[in-house]
Amino acid sequence: MKIKDILKLVASILLCQLAGFLGSLFTTPSIPTWYGILKKPFFTPPNWIFSPVWISLYVLMGISLFMVWRRNDHPEFKIALIFFFIQLILNILWSISFFGLRSPFLGLIDIVLLWIAILLTIRHFLRVSKAAGLLLFPYIIWVSFAAILNFSLWVLNP
């Protein structure tokens, strides 16, 4: 791999990790306070699992972004990037709406839009690079689970 490619890979991963960091600014303070007192469904994972899962997903997202970035001559490249950045922004906004605003309802609206944006990102990434699209499958699976959890928290905490 060339130095230029290594820099692109690092930049792609750091960009995704930055999104996670921005979201954590709203999430972390709410965990021991507001989130801690919510009624939770039986399938709620322990709090410690979320950080390593998200860090791993952001790494996969970064690698996926890098794989598409390398194919910037592909006709689907620009639209794939547009959907990627839409989903990345919605990802950050979920933390703001759910934890920052303490609103499971707004979080639910956002996570549905996020899920759709991830699906569209996968669709376009698969066209540019099959491997890049496949790397996003764990992400959409986790967000599907998170959507069910978000819905349950909204129902249990009217």
N, C-alpha and C. Protein backbone atom coordinates (compact mmCIF):
# COMPACT_ATOMS: atom_id res chain seq x y z
N MET A 1 0.84 -1.17 0.00
CA MET A 1 0.00 0.00 0.00
C MET A 1 0.89 1.25 0.00
N LYS A 2 0.51 2.24 -0.77
CA LYS A 2 1.27 3.48 -0.86
C LYS A 2 1.01 4.35 0.37
N ILE A 3 1.93 5.26 0.61
CA ILE A 3 1.79 6.21 1.73
C ILE A 3 0.47 6.98 1.61
N LYS A 4 0.14 7.39 0.39
CA LYS A 4 -1.10 8.13 0.15
C LYS A 4 -2.31 7.31 0.59
N ASP A 5 -2.30 6.01 0.28
CA ASP A 5 -3.40 5.13 0.68
C ASP A 5 -3.45 4.95 2.19
N ILE A 6 -2.30 4.84 2.82
CA ILE A 6 -2.26 4.69 4.27
C ILE A 6 -2.85 5.93 4.94
N LEU A 7 -2.51 7.10 4.42
CA LEU A 7 -3.05 8.35 4.96
C LEU A 7 -4.56 8.42 4.76
N LYS A 8 -5.04 7.97 3.61
CA LYS A 8 -6.49 7.95 3.36
C LYS A 8 -7.19 6.99 4.32
N LEU A 9 -6.59 5.85 4.55
CA LEU A 9 -7.17 4.87 5.47
C LEU A 9 -7.24 5.45 6.89
N VAL A 10 -6.14 6.04 7.34
CA VAL A 10 -6.10 6.63 8.68
C VAL A 10 -7.13 7.76 8.78
N ALA A 11 -7.18 8.61 7.77
CA ALA A 11 -8.14 9.72 7.77
C ALA A 11 -9.58 9.21 7.81
N SER A 12 -9.87 8.16 7.06
CA SER A 12 -11.22 7.60 7.03
C SER A 12 -11.62 7.04 8.39
N ILE A 13 -10.71 6.32 9.01
CA ILE A 13 -11.01 5.75 10.33
C ILE A 13 -11.14 6.86 11.37
N LEU A 14 -10.25 7.85 11.33
CA LEU A 14 -10.31 8.95 12.29
C LEU A 14 -11.59 9.76 12.13
N LEU A 15 -12.04 9.97 10.90
CA LEU A 15 -13.29 10.69 10.67
C LEU A 15 -14.45 9.98 11.35
N CYS A 16 -14.52 8.68 11.19
CA CYS A 16 -15.60 7.90 11.79
C CYS A 16 -15.48 7.88 13.31
N GLN A 17 -14.26 7.77 13.82
CA GLN A 17 -14.05 7.80 15.27
C GLN A 17 -14.42 9.18 15.83
N LEU A 18 -14.17 10.23 15.05
CA LEU A 18 -14.55 11.58 15.46
C LEU A 18 -16.06 11.68 15.63
N ALA A 19 -16.80 11.07 14.72
CA ALA A 19 -18.26 11.05 14.85
C ALA A 19 -18.66 10.37 16.15
N GLY A 20 -18.01 9.27 16.46
CA GLY A 20 -18.28 8.58 17.72
C GLY A 20 -17.94 9.44 18.92
N PHE A 21 -16.83 10.13 18.84
CA PHE A 21 -16.42 11.01 19.94
C PHE A 21 -17.44 12.12 20.15
N LEU A 22 -17.88 12.74 19.06
CA LEU A 22 -18.87 13.82 19.16
C LEU A 22 -20.16 13.30 19.81
N GLY A 23 -20.60 12.12 19.39
CA GLY A 23 -21.78 11.53 20.00
C GLY A 23 -21.58 11.24 21.47
N SER A 24 -20.39 10.81 21.84
CA SER A 24 -20.11 10.47 23.24
C SER A 24 -20.16 11.69 24.16
N LEU A 25 -19.95 12.88 23.60
CA LEU A 25 -20.04 14.10 24.41
C LEU A 25 -21.45 14.28 24.97
N PHE A 26 -22.44 13.76 24.26
CA PHE A 26 -23.83 13.84 24.71
C PHE A 26 -24.24 12.59 25.48
N THR A 27 -23.63 11.47 25.13
CA THR A 27 -24.01 10.19 25.73
C THR A 27 -23.44 10.00 27.13
N THR A 28 -22.15 10.17 27.25
CA THR A 28 -21.44 9.84 28.50
C THR A 28 -22.02 10.51 29.74
N PRO A 29 -22.32 11.81 29.71
CA PRO A 29 -22.86 12.43 30.92
C PRO A 29 -24.25 11.89 31.32
N SER A 30 -25.00 11.38 30.36
CA SER A 30 -26.36 10.92 30.64
C SER A 30 -26.43 9.48 31.14
N ILE A 31 -25.38 8.70 30.95
CA ILE A 31 -25.41 7.28 31.34
C ILE A 31 -25.67 7.11 32.85
N PRO A 32 -24.88 7.75 33.71
CA PRO A 32 -25.12 7.53 35.14
C PRO A 32 -26.33 8.30 35.69
N THR A 33 -26.84 9.25 34.94
CA THR A 33 -27.94 10.08 35.45
C THR A 33 -29.25 9.67 34.79
N TRP A 34 -29.64 10.37 33.75
CA TRP A 34 -30.94 10.16 33.11
C TRP A 34 -31.12 8.73 32.61
N TYR A 35 -30.18 8.22 31.83
CA TYR A 35 -30.30 6.87 31.27
C TYR A 35 -30.33 5.82 32.39
N GLY A 36 -29.59 6.07 33.43
CA GLY A 36 -29.50 5.13 34.54
C GLY A 36 -30.84 4.88 35.24
N ILE A 37 -31.73 5.87 35.21
CA ILE A 37 -33.01 5.70 35.91
C ILE A 37 -34.16 5.29 34.99
N LEU A 38 -33.90 5.14 33.70
CA LEU A 38 -34.96 4.70 32.79
C LEU A 38 -35.34 3.25 33.05
N LYS A 39 -36.60 2.93 32.82
CA LYS A 39 -37.04 1.53 32.81
C LYS A 39 -36.50 0.92 31.53
N LYS A 40 -35.88 -0.24 31.65
CA LYS A 40 -35.24 -0.86 30.48
C LYS A 40 -35.82 -2.24 30.22
N PRO A 41 -35.88 -2.63 28.93
CA PRO A 41 -36.35 -3.98 28.61
C PRO A 41 -35.33 -5.03 29.06
N PHE A 42 -35.79 -6.26 29.17
CA PHE A 42 -34.94 -7.35 29.66
C PHE A 42 -33.71 -7.60 28.79
N PHE A 43 -33.78 -7.22 27.53
CA PHE A 43 -32.68 -7.51 26.60
C PHE A 43 -31.67 -6.37 26.49
N THR A 44 -31.75 -5.40 27.38
CA THR A 44 -30.79 -4.29 27.37
C THR A 44 -29.40 -4.81 27.71
N PRO A 45 -28.42 -4.58 26.85
CA PRO A 45 -27.05 -5.02 27.16
C PRO A 45 -26.47 -4.20 28.32
N PRO A 46 -25.45 -4.73 28.96
CA PRO A 46 -24.78 -3.94 30.00
C PRO A 46 -24.11 -2.71 29.37
N ASN A 47 -24.03 -1.64 30.14
CA ASN A 47 -23.48 -0.38 29.62
C ASN A 47 -22.08 -0.52 29.05
N TRP A 48 -21.25 -1.38 29.62
CA TRP A 48 -19.85 -1.48 29.21
C TRP A 48 -19.71 -2.00 27.77
N ILE A 49 -20.74 -2.66 27.23
CA ILE A 49 -20.62 -3.27 25.89
C ILE A 49 -20.70 -2.23 24.77
N PHE A 50 -21.38 -1.12 25.03
CA PHE A 50 -21.63 -0.15 23.97
C PHE A 50 -20.36 0.48 23.42
N SER A 51 -19.45 0.87 24.27
CA SER A 51 -18.23 1.53 23.81
C SER A 51 -17.39 0.64 22.89
N PRO A 52 -17.03 -0.60 23.27
CA PRO A 52 -16.23 -1.41 22.36
C PRO A 52 -16.96 -1.76 21.06
N VAL A 53 -18.28 -1.94 21.15
CA VAL A 53 -19.04 -2.24 19.93
C VAL A 53 -18.97 -1.05 18.97
N TRP A 54 -19.23 0.15 19.50
CA TRP A 54 -19.23 1.33 18.62
C TRP A 54 -17.84 1.63 18.07
N ILE A 55 -16.82 1.50 18.90
CA ILE A 55 -15.46 1.73 18.40
C ILE A 55 -15.16 0.78 17.25
N SER A 56 -15.53 -0.48 17.40
CA SER A 56 -15.32 -1.48 16.33
C SER A 56 -16.11 -1.14 15.08
N LEU A 57 -17.37 -0.72 15.27
CA LEU A 57 -18.19 -0.37 14.11
C LEU A 57 -17.63 0.84 13.38
N TYR A 58 -17.13 1.82 14.12
CA TYR A 58 -16.53 3.00 13.48
C TYR A 58 -15.26 2.64 12.72
N VAL A 59 -14.50 1.68 13.22
CA VAL A 59 -13.33 1.20 12.47
C VAL A 59 -13.78 0.56 11.16
N LEU A 60 -14.78 -0.31 11.22
CA LEU A 60 -15.30 -0.94 10.00
C LEU A 60 -15.84 0.10 9.02
N MET A 61 -16.55 1.10 9.55
CA MET A 61 -17.06 2.16 8.70
C MET A 61 -15.91 2.91 8.01
N GLY A 62 -14.85 3.17 8.77
CA GLY A 62 -13.70 3.88 8.21
C GLY A 62 -13.01 3.08 7.12
N ILE A 63 -12.84 1.80 7.36
CA ILE A 63 -12.22 0.93 6.34
C ILE A 63 -13.10 0.89 5.09
N SER A 64 -14.40 0.79 5.32
CA SER A 64 -15.35 0.77 4.20
C SER A 64 -15.28 2.08 3.40
N LEU A 65 -15.26 3.20 4.11
CA LEU A 65 -15.14 4.51 3.45
C LEU A 65 -13.85 4.57 2.63
N PHE A 66 -12.76 4.10 3.20
CA PHE A 66 -11.48 4.10 2.50
C PHE A 66 -11.57 3.28 1.20
N MET A 67 -12.21 2.12 1.26
CA MET A 67 -12.31 1.25 0.08
C MET A 67 -13.09 1.94 -1.04
N VAL A 68 -14.10 2.71 -0.67
CA VAL A 68 -14.87 3.46 -1.67
C VAL A 68 -14.06 4.65 -2.17
N TRP A 69 -13.38 5.32 -1.27
CA TRP A 69 -12.56 6.48 -1.63
C TRP A 69 -11.50 6.10 -2.67
N ARG A 70 -10.97 4.91 -2.56
CA ARG A 70 -9.97 4.44 -3.53
C ARG A 70 -10.55 4.29 -4.93
N ARG A 71 -11.87 4.17 -5.02
CA ARG A 71 -12.54 3.98 -6.31
C ARG A 71 -13.25 5.26 -6.73
N ASN A 72 -12.61 6.41 -6.53
CA ASN A 72 -13.25 7.69 -6.79
C ASN A 72 -13.54 7.96 -8.26
N ASP A 73 -13.13 7.05 -9.13
CA ASP A 73 -13.46 7.17 -10.55
C ASP A 73 -14.74 6.41 -10.90
N HIS A 74 -15.31 5.71 -9.93
CA HIS A 74 -16.52 4.92 -10.17
C HIS A 74 -17.72 5.86 -10.31
N PRO A 75 -18.65 5.57 -11.23
CA PRO A 75 -19.81 6.44 -11.43
C PRO A 75 -20.70 6.61 -10.19
N GLU A 76 -20.69 5.65 -9.29
CA GLU A 76 -21.51 5.71 -8.07
C GLU A 76 -20.78 6.36 -6.90
N PHE A 77 -19.53 6.75 -7.10
CA PHE A 77 -18.70 7.25 -6.00
C PHE A 77 -19.35 8.42 -5.26
N LYS A 78 -19.76 9.44 -5.97
CA LYS A 78 -20.28 10.65 -5.32
C LYS A 78 -21.57 10.37 -4.55
N ILE A 79 -22.49 9.66 -5.15
CA ILE A 79 -23.76 9.36 -4.46
C ILE A 79 -23.51 8.46 -3.25
N ALA A 80 -22.56 7.55 -3.36
CA ALA A 80 -22.21 6.69 -2.23
C ALA A 80 -21.69 7.54 -1.07
N LEU A 81 -20.84 8.50 -1.38
CA LEU A 81 -20.30 9.38 -0.33
C LEU A 81 -21.38 10.25 0.29
N ILE A 82 -22.30 10.73 -0.53
CA ILE A 82 -23.39 11.55 0.00
C ILE A 82 -24.19 10.77 1.04
N PHE A 83 -24.56 9.54 0.70
CA PHE A 83 -25.31 8.73 1.66
C PHE A 83 -24.48 8.40 2.88
N PHE A 84 -23.18 8.15 2.69
CA PHE A 84 -22.32 7.87 3.83
C PHE A 84 -22.32 9.04 4.81
N PHE A 85 -22.16 10.25 4.29
CA PHE A 85 -22.10 11.40 5.18
C PHE A 85 -23.46 11.73 5.80
N ILE A 86 -24.54 11.46 5.08
CA ILE A 86 -25.88 11.62 5.67
C ILE A 86 -26.03 10.69 6.87
N GLN A 87 -25.65 9.41 6.68
CA GLN A 87 -25.81 8.48 7.80
C GLN A 87 -24.87 8.83 8.95
N LEU A 88 -23.68 9.34 8.65
CA LEU A 88 -22.75 9.71 9.71
C LEU A 88 -23.30 10.87 10.54
N ILE A 89 -23.90 11.84 9.88
CA ILE A 89 -24.53 12.97 10.58
C ILE A 89 -25.72 12.49 11.40
N LEU A 90 -26.55 11.63 10.82
CA LEU A 90 -27.69 11.08 11.57
C LEU A 90 -27.22 10.27 12.77
N ASN A 91 -26.09 9.60 12.64
CA ASN A 91 -25.51 8.85 13.74
C ASN A 91 -25.20 9.78 14.92
N ILE A 92 -24.56 10.89 14.64
CA ILE A 92 -24.25 11.88 15.68
C ILE A 92 -25.54 12.47 16.25
N LEU A 93 -26.47 12.80 15.36
CA LEU A 93 -27.73 13.41 15.80
C LEU A 93 -28.53 12.49 16.71
N TRP A 94 -28.38 11.17 16.54
CA TRP A 94 -29.10 10.26 17.42
C TRP A 94 -28.64 10.47 18.87
N SER A 95 -27.34 10.55 19.09
CA SER A 95 -26.83 10.77 20.45
C SER A 95 -27.34 12.09 21.02
N ILE A 96 -27.39 13.10 20.16
CA ILE A 96 -27.88 14.41 20.61
C ILE A 96 -29.36 14.33 20.97
N SER A 97 -30.16 13.71 20.09
CA SER A 97 -31.61 13.66 20.34
C SER A 97 -31.97 12.72 21.49
N PHE A 98 -31.37 11.52 21.54
CA PHE A 98 -31.72 10.56 22.57
C PHE A 98 -31.12 10.96 23.92
N PHE A 99 -29.81 11.14 23.97
CA PHE A 99 -29.15 11.42 25.25
C PHE A 99 -29.09 12.91 25.57
N GLY A 100 -28.69 13.73 24.59
CA GLY A 100 -28.57 15.16 24.85
C GLY A 100 -29.90 15.81 25.18
N LEU A 101 -30.91 15.53 24.37
CA LEU A 101 -32.25 16.08 24.61
C LEU A 101 -33.09 15.19 25.52
N ARG A 102 -32.55 14.03 25.84
CA ARG A 102 -33.24 13.05 26.70
C ARG A 102 -34.62 12.72 26.16
N SER A 103 -34.64 12.38 24.87
CA SER A 103 -35.90 12.12 24.20
C SER A 103 -35.86 10.80 23.43
N PRO A 104 -36.35 9.72 24.02
CA PRO A 104 -36.45 8.47 23.27
C PRO A 104 -37.30 8.61 22.01
N PHE A 105 -38.28 9.50 22.02
CA PHE A 105 -39.12 9.69 20.83
C PHE A 105 -38.33 10.31 19.68
N LEU A 106 -37.61 11.40 19.96
CA LEU A 106 -36.77 12.00 18.90
C LEU A 106 -35.67 11.04 18.47
N GLY A 107 -35.13 10.30 19.43
CA GLY A 107 -34.13 9.28 19.10
C GLY A 107 -34.70 8.24 18.16
N LEU A 108 -35.94 7.83 18.39
CA LEU A 108 -36.59 6.83 17.55
C LEU A 108 -36.78 7.35 16.12
N ILE A 109 -37.22 8.58 15.99
CA ILE A 109 -37.36 9.18 14.65
C ILE A 109 -36.02 9.19 13.94
N ASP A 110 -34.99 9.64 14.66
CA ASP A 110 -33.66 9.72 14.07
C ASP A 110 -33.13 8.34 13.68
N ILE A 111 -33.30 7.35 14.55
CA ILE A 111 -32.70 6.04 14.28
C ILE A 111 -33.39 5.35 13.10
N VAL A 112 -34.66 5.64 12.88
CA VAL A 112 -35.35 5.10 11.69
C VAL A 112 -34.74 5.73 10.44
N LEU A 113 -34.54 7.04 10.47
CA LEU A 113 -33.91 7.72 9.34
C LEU A 113 -32.47 7.23 9.16
N LEU A 114 -31.77 7.02 10.26
CA LEU A 114 -30.40 6.50 10.22
C LEU A 114 -30.38 5.12 9.56
N TRP A 115 -31.30 4.25 9.95
CA TRP A 115 -31.35 2.90 9.40
C TRP A 115 -31.55 2.95 7.88
N ILE A 116 -32.45 3.81 7.44
CA ILE A 116 -32.70 3.97 5.99
C ILE A 116 -31.44 4.48 5.30
N ALA A 117 -30.78 5.46 5.91
CA ALA A 117 -29.55 6.03 5.32
C ALA A 117 -28.44 4.98 5.25
N ILE A 118 -28.34 4.14 6.28
CA ILE A 118 -27.32 3.07 6.26
C ILE A 118 -27.63 2.09 5.14
N LEU A 119 -28.90 1.73 5.01
CA LEU A 119 -29.29 0.80 3.94
C LEU A 119 -28.94 1.37 2.56
N LEU A 120 -29.22 2.65 2.36
CA LEU A 120 -28.89 3.28 1.08
C LEU A 120 -27.37 3.38 0.89
N THR A 121 -26.65 3.62 1.96
CA THR A 121 -25.18 3.65 1.89
C THR A 121 -24.66 2.28 1.49
N ILE A 122 -25.16 1.24 2.13
CA ILE A 122 -24.74 -0.12 1.78
C ILE A 122 -25.03 -0.40 0.31
N ARG A 123 -26.22 -0.05 -0.12
CA ARG A 123 -26.61 -0.29 -1.52
C ARG A 123 -25.60 0.34 -2.49
N HIS A 124 -25.26 1.59 -2.24
CA HIS A 124 -24.34 2.29 -3.15
C HIS A 124 -22.90 1.85 -2.94
N PHE A 125 -22.51 1.55 -1.72
CA PHE A 125 -21.16 1.06 -1.48
C PHE A 125 -20.95 -0.29 -2.17
N LEU A 126 -21.95 -1.15 -2.14
CA LEU A 126 -21.83 -2.46 -2.81
C LEU A 126 -21.55 -2.30 -4.30
N ARG A 127 -22.12 -1.27 -4.89
CA ARG A 127 -21.91 -1.02 -6.32
C ARG A 127 -20.48 -0.56 -6.61
N VAL A 128 -19.91 0.20 -5.68
CA VAL A 128 -18.55 0.71 -5.86
C VAL A 128 -17.52 -0.35 -5.46
N SER A 129 -17.77 -1.01 -4.32
CA SER A 129 -16.86 -2.04 -3.81
C SER A 129 -17.69 -3.01 -2.97
N LYS A 130 -17.79 -4.22 -3.44
CA LYS A 130 -18.58 -5.21 -2.71
C LYS A 130 -18.09 -5.37 -1.28
N ALA A 131 -16.79 -5.43 -1.08
CA ALA A 131 -16.23 -5.58 0.26
C ALA A 131 -16.60 -4.39 1.15
N ALA A 132 -16.57 -3.18 0.59
CA ALA A 132 -16.93 -1.99 1.36
C ALA A 132 -18.37 -2.07 1.84
N GLY A 133 -19.26 -2.50 0.97
CA GLY A 133 -20.66 -2.65 1.35
C GLY A 133 -20.86 -3.71 2.41
N LEU A 134 -20.17 -4.83 2.25
CA LEU A 134 -20.30 -5.94 3.22
C LEU A 134 -19.78 -5.55 4.60
N LEU A 135 -18.78 -4.69 4.65
CA LEU A 135 -18.23 -4.25 5.93
C LEU A 135 -19.25 -3.45 6.76
N LEU A 136 -20.29 -2.95 6.10
CA LEU A 136 -21.29 -2.17 6.82
C LEU A 136 -22.43 -3.03 7.36
N PHE A 137 -22.44 -4.32 7.06
CA PHE A 137 -23.52 -5.19 7.57
C PHE A 137 -23.56 -5.26 9.09
N PRO A 138 -22.43 -5.40 9.79
CA PRO A 138 -22.51 -5.39 11.26
C PRO A 138 -23.11 -4.09 11.80
N TYR A 139 -22.85 -2.99 11.14
CA TYR A 139 -23.37 -1.68 11.53
C TYR A 139 -24.89 -1.66 11.45
N ILE A 140 -25.45 -2.09 10.32
CA ILE A 140 -26.91 -2.05 10.19
C ILE A 140 -27.58 -3.07 11.12
N ILE A 141 -26.90 -4.17 11.38
CA ILE A 141 -27.45 -5.15 12.33
C ILE A 141 -27.49 -4.53 13.73
N TRP A 142 -26.42 -3.88 14.14
CA TRP A 142 -26.38 -3.26 15.46
C TRP A 142 -27.40 -2.13 15.57
N VAL A 143 -27.52 -1.32 14.52
CA VAL A 143 -28.49 -0.22 14.54
C VAL A 143 -29.92 -0.76 14.53
N SER A 144 -30.14 -1.91 13.91
CA SER A 144 -31.46 -2.55 13.97
C SER A 144 -31.79 -2.92 15.41
N PHE A 145 -30.82 -3.52 16.09
CA PHE A 145 -31.01 -3.87 17.50
C PHE A 145 -31.22 -2.60 18.33
N ALA A 146 -30.41 -1.57 18.07
CA ALA A 146 -30.51 -0.31 18.81
C ALA A 146 -31.88 0.34 18.59
N ALA A 147 -32.43 0.19 17.38
CA ALA A 147 -33.76 0.75 17.09
C ALA A 147 -34.83 0.05 17.92
N ILE A 148 -34.72 -1.26 18.03
CA ILE A 148 -35.67 -2.02 18.86
C ILE A 148 -35.53 -1.60 20.32
N LEU A 149 -34.31 -1.45 20.78
CA LEU A 149 -34.06 -1.01 22.14
C LEU A 149 -34.61 0.40 22.35
N ASN A 150 -34.36 1.30 21.41
CA ASN A 150 -34.85 2.68 21.49
C ASN A 150 -36.38 2.68 21.56
N PHE A 151 -37.02 1.90 20.69
CA PHE A 151 -38.48 1.81 20.70
C PHE A 151 -38.98 1.33 22.06
N SER A 152 -38.35 0.30 22.59
CA SER A 152 -38.74 -0.25 23.89
C SER A 152 -38.58 0.78 25.01
N LEU A 153 -37.52 1.54 24.96
CA LEU A 153 -37.30 2.58 25.98
C LEU A 153 -38.36 3.67 25.86
N TRP A 154 -38.77 3.99 24.65
CA TRP A 154 -39.83 4.98 24.45
C TRP A 154 -41.15 4.48 25.01
N VAL A 155 -41.45 3.21 24.77
CA VAL A 155 -42.71 2.61 25.26
C VAL A 155 -42.70 2.51 26.79
N LEU A 156 -41.57 2.09 27.37
CA LEU A 156 -41.49 1.88 28.81
C LEU A 156 -41.37 3.18 29.62
N ASN A 157 -41.00 4.26 28.94
CA ASN A 157 -40.78 5.54 29.63
C ASN A 157 -41.54 6.67 28.95
N PRO A 158 -42.88 6.62 29.07
CA PRO A 158 -43.70 7.62 28.35
C PRO A 158 -43.48 9.05 28.89
